[in-house]
Amino acid sequence: MSRAGIRESSVKVNYLIWMTDRDIHIILYDINIIRWDNGDTYEGEWHNGKQDGWGVFRWAKGDWFEGLFRDGHSQRGTIHGKGGVVEWEGEWRTTEKNHAFWGVERRAKNIGTNGGDSQATVSVENVYSGQWDGYKWHGCGTWHSPDTGDIYHGQFDHGTRSGYGRMLFGDNSQGGGSYVGEWKDDMFHGRGVRIWNDGTKHENVGT
């Protein structure tokens, strides 16, 4: 995942022990530790000069990936980030999320400190589960905002609700109720039906 030159590499031996009724089994396996010139590090399985198997890759900026590698590329696992994206989990075909085809992203916001100590507390701001194109929500997916209670399921176009979908609004969000119909750039667009909690119904509410 890192293209910088390798500055240092080492190997530590781990072991796995399990017992049966008659025997004790011990398996020794190597864990490779790689450090690159740019500060990136990797700890895990390594074959033919590349990450291959289970491992943890840490970027110098502080984010890290834990999961499965194949032939030097991440395949499935979890990205933990500093800042906006708390966690990203899914499957992709090459490095990082550049060609992801399925994933779950959880974004968060810092809401202060926890009990007066220095550890920041985080509130989940929204969750997306579905298809991707590059780093964008694209295809069919589900978006959920725990803050408002809104839930959208439908089509996305490079990061926005676009196409056909259904939004269930939280009780304190835009009068509650639902909208089913066409979308464009996160807005009602084209044919659709909007129903509020009080039973009010409007058809073809799109712009």
Protein backbone atom coordinates (compact mmCIF):
# COMPACT_ATOMS: atom_id res chain seq x y z
CA MET A 1 0.00 0.00 0.00
CA SER A 2 2.98 2.30 0.47
CA ARG A 3 5.26 3.18 -2.44
CA ALA A 4 8.06 4.70 -0.42
CA GLY A 5 11.36 2.88 0.03
CA ILE A 6 11.60 0.37 2.86
CA ARG A 7 13.73 1.79 5.66
CA GLU A 8 13.66 -1.16 8.05
CA SER A 9 12.22 -4.67 8.25
CA SER A 10 12.21 -7.28 10.99
CA VAL A 11 10.46 -10.51 11.88
CA LYS A 12 9.03 -11.68 15.18
CA VAL A 13 7.90 -15.24 15.84
CA ASN A 14 4.45 -15.82 17.30
CA TYR A 15 2.95 -19.11 18.35
CA LEU A 16 -0.48 -20.66 18.63
CA ILE A 17 -1.18 -23.40 21.16
CA TRP A 18 -4.22 -25.61 21.50
CA MET A 19 -4.87 -28.85 23.36
CA THR A 20 -6.86 -31.98 22.60
CA ASP A 21 -7.61 -34.90 24.87
CA ARG A 22 -4.29 -36.57 24.01
CA ASP A 23 -1.96 -33.95 22.54
CA ILE A 24 -0.67 -30.41 22.74
CA HIS A 25 -0.29 -28.68 19.37
CA ILE A 26 2.04 -25.73 18.77
CA ILE A 27 2.27 -23.75 15.53
CA LEU A 28 4.98 -21.15 15.01
CA TYR A 29 4.40 -18.37 12.49
CA ASP A 30 6.25 -15.23 11.47
CA ILE A 31 4.94 -11.68 11.80
CA ASN A 32 6.80 -9.22 9.60
CA ILE A 33 7.31 -5.62 10.70
CA ILE A 34 8.02 -3.19 7.84
CA ARG A 35 8.83 0.52 8.17
CA TRP A 36 8.97 2.80 5.15
CA ASP A 37 10.91 6.02 4.68
CA ASN A 38 7.73 8.10 4.73
CA GLY A 39 6.73 6.84 8.19
CA ASP A 40 4.18 4.20 7.11
CA THR A 41 4.40 0.84 8.90
CA TYR A 42 3.03 -2.66 8.37
CA GLU A 43 2.84 -5.58 10.76
CA GLY A 44 1.54 -8.89 9.48
CA GLU A 45 1.97 -11.66 6.96
CA TRP A 46 4.43 -11.06 4.11
CA HIS A 47 5.15 -13.17 1.03
CA ASN A 48 7.35 -12.53 -2.01
CA GLY A 49 8.15 -9.00 -0.86
CA LYS A 50 4.51 -7.95 -0.45
CA GLN A 51 1.75 -7.82 2.13
CA ASP A 52 -0.17 -11.07 1.79
CA GLY A 53 -2.52 -12.44 4.42
CA TRP A 54 -3.69 -10.77 7.62
CA GLY A 55 -2.04 -7.57 8.75
CA VAL A 56 -2.22 -4.02 10.06
CA PHE A 57 -1.04 -1.11 7.90
CA ARG A 58 -0.53 2.28 9.58
CA TRP A 59 -0.16 5.49 7.62
CA ALA A 60 2.21 8.11 9.01
CA LYS A 61 -0.72 10.54 9.35
CA GLY A 62 -2.29 8.28 12.00
CA ASP A 63 -5.00 6.31 10.16
CA TRP A 64 -4.69 2.53 10.04
CA PHE A 65 -6.12 -0.45 8.16
CA GLU A 66 -6.59 -3.91 9.66
CA GLY A 67 -7.63 -6.79 7.49
CA LEU A 68 -6.80 -9.08 4.62
CA PHE A 69 -4.16 -8.39 1.97
CA ARG A 70 -3.53 -10.14 -1.33
CA ASP A 71 -0.40 -9.58 -3.39
CA GLY A 72 0.34 -6.23 -1.75
CA HIS A 73 -3.21 -4.84 -1.92
CA SER A 74 -5.86 -4.54 0.78
CA GLN A 75 -8.92 -6.65 0.03
CA ARG A 76 -11.25 -6.61 3.01
CA GLY A 77 -11.06 -5.03 6.42
CA THR A 78 -11.53 -1.88 8.44
CA ILE A 79 -10.00 1.58 8.07
CA HIS A 80 -9.86 3.58 11.31
CA GLY A 81 -9.39 7.30 10.80
CA LYS A 82 -8.63 10.46 12.71
CA GLY A 83 -11.06 13.32 12.16
CA GLY A 84 -14.27 12.90 10.19
CA VAL A 85 -14.29 9.24 9.23
CA VAL A 86 -14.25 7.05 12.30
CA GLU A 87 -14.46 3.72 10.57
CA TRP A 88 -14.73 2.32 7.05
CA GLU A 89 -15.30 -1.36 6.46
CA GLY A 90 -15.81 -3.16 3.20
CA GLU A 91 -14.36 -4.89 0.18
CA TRP A 92 -12.26 -3.39 -2.58
CA ARG A 93 -10.17 -4.59 -5.46
CA THR A 94 -6.99 -2.53 -5.19
CA THR A 95 -5.33 -0.31 -2.61
CA GLU A 96 -7.39 1.48 0.02
CA LYS A 97 -10.91 2.47 -1.14
CA ASN A 98 -9.96 3.61 -4.63
CA HIS A 99 -12.00 0.91 -6.34
CA ALA A 100 -14.40 -0.16 -3.62
CA PHE A 101 -17.55 -1.95 -4.63
CA TRP A 102 -19.15 -2.36 -1.20
CA GLY A 103 -18.57 -0.70 2.14
CA VAL A 104 -19.87 0.75 5.38
CA GLU A 105 -18.74 4.21 6.42
CA ARG A 106 -19.37 5.71 9.84
CA ARG A 107 -18.71 9.42 10.21
CA ALA A 108 -18.48 11.14 13.57
CA LYS A 109 -18.10 14.52 15.20
CA ASN A 110 -16.15 15.49 18.31
CA ILE A 111 -18.56 16.61 21.04
CA GLY A 112 -16.05 17.41 23.77
CA THR A 113 -14.08 15.59 26.43
CA ASN A 114 -15.10 12.60 28.48
CA GLY A 115 -15.43 13.25 32.21
CA GLY A 116 -12.91 16.06 32.21
CA ASP A 117 -10.00 13.98 30.99
CA SER A 118 -8.19 14.44 27.69
CA GLN A 119 -10.02 11.70 25.79
CA ALA A 120 -12.44 13.13 23.25
CA THR A 121 -15.93 11.69 23.01
CA VAL A 122 -17.46 11.11 19.60
CA SER A 123 -21.05 11.08 18.39
CA VAL A 124 -21.96 9.17 15.25
CA GLU A 125 -23.16 11.68 12.66
CA ASN A 126 -24.19 9.41 9.82
CA VAL A 127 -23.75 5.87 8.55
CA TYR A 128 -23.69 4.72 4.94
CA SER A 129 -23.85 1.12 3.79
CA GLY A 130 -23.82 0.24 0.13
CA GLN A 131 -21.98 0.49 -3.17
CA TRP A 132 -19.13 2.85 -3.99
CA ASP A 133 -17.29 4.34 -6.93
CA GLY A 134 -13.87 5.48 -5.80
CA TYR A 135 -14.37 7.40 -2.56
CA LYS A 136 -17.99 8.30 -3.39
CA TRP A 137 -21.28 6.66 -2.44
CA HIS A 138 -22.51 5.38 -5.79
CA GLY A 139 -25.13 2.82 -6.76
CA CYS A 140 -27.62 1.39 -4.29
CA GLY A 141 -27.20 2.09 -0.59
CA THR A 142 -28.69 3.04 2.77
CA TRP A 143 -27.91 6.27 4.64
CA HIS A 144 -28.83 6.81 8.29
CA SER A 145 -28.45 9.87 10.52
CA PRO A 146 -28.63 8.91 14.23
CA ASP A 147 -28.86 12.63 15.12
CA THR A 148 -32.10 13.25 13.20
CA GLY A 149 -33.41 9.71 12.79
CA ASP A 150 -33.58 10.10 9.01
CA ILE A 151 -33.12 6.92 6.95
CA TYR A 152 -32.75 6.88 3.17
CA HIS A 153 -32.65 3.79 0.99
CA GLY A 154 -32.18 4.07 -2.72
CA GLN A 155 -29.84 5.25 -5.44
CA PHE A 156 -26.74 7.42 -5.07
CA ASP A 157 -24.71 9.22 -7.74
CA HIS A 158 -21.12 9.98 -6.72
CA GLY A 159 -21.88 11.01 -3.16
CA THR A 160 -25.41 12.43 -3.44
CA ARG A 161 -28.91 11.00 -3.26
CA SER A 162 -29.79 10.91 -6.95
CA GLY A 163 -32.18 8.60 -8.78
CA TYR A 164 -35.03 6.80 -7.05
CA GLY A 165 -35.26 6.38 -3.31
CA ARG A 166 -37.28 6.48 -0.12
CA MET A 167 -36.59 8.74 2.87
CA LEU A 168 -38.11 8.10 6.29
CA PHE A 169 -37.79 11.31 8.32
CA GLY A 170 -37.28 11.31 12.07
CA ASP A 171 -40.14 12.67 14.18
CA ASN A 172 -38.27 15.96 14.75
CA SER A 173 -36.88 16.24 11.23
CA GLN A 174 -38.82 18.26 8.63
CA GLY A 175 -42.17 17.30 10.10
CA GLY A 176 -41.48 13.56 10.07
CA GLY A 177 -43.19 11.23 7.65
CA SER A 178 -41.68 10.04 4.40
CA TYR A 179 -40.87 10.82 0.79
CA VAL A 180 -40.82 8.24 -2.01
CA GLY A 181 -39.76 9.23 -5.49
CA GLU A 182 -37.04 10.77 -7.61
CA TRP A 183 -34.00 12.65 -6.30
CA LYS A 184 -31.19 14.79 -7.65
CA ASP A 185 -28.23 16.16 -5.68
CA ASP A 186 -29.89 15.34 -2.32
CA MET A 187 -33.09 17.18 -3.28
CA PHE A 188 -36.58 16.00 -4.28
CA HIS A 189 -36.58 16.09 -8.06
CA GLY A 190 -39.21 14.86 -10.50
CA ARG A 191 -42.10 12.65 -9.48
CA GLY A 192 -42.61 11.74 -5.87
CA VAL A 193 -44.98 11.57 -2.92
CA ARG A 194 -44.39 13.37 0.39
CA ILE A 195 -46.42 12.33 3.42
CA TRP A 196 -46.19 14.07 6.80
CA ASN A 197 -46.92 12.61 10.24
CA ASP A 198 -50.25 14.44 10.41
CA GLY A 199 -51.44 12.66 7.27
CA THR A 200 -50.91 15.55 4.87
CA LYS A 201 -49.98 14.21 1.44
CA HIS A 202 -48.45 15.99 -1.56
CA GLU A 203 -47.73 14.31 -4.89
CA ASN A 204 -45.13 15.35 -7.47
CA VAL A 205 -43.34 17.51 -4.92
CA GLY A 206 -40.00 17.42 -6.76
CA THR A 207 -38.53 20.57 -8.29
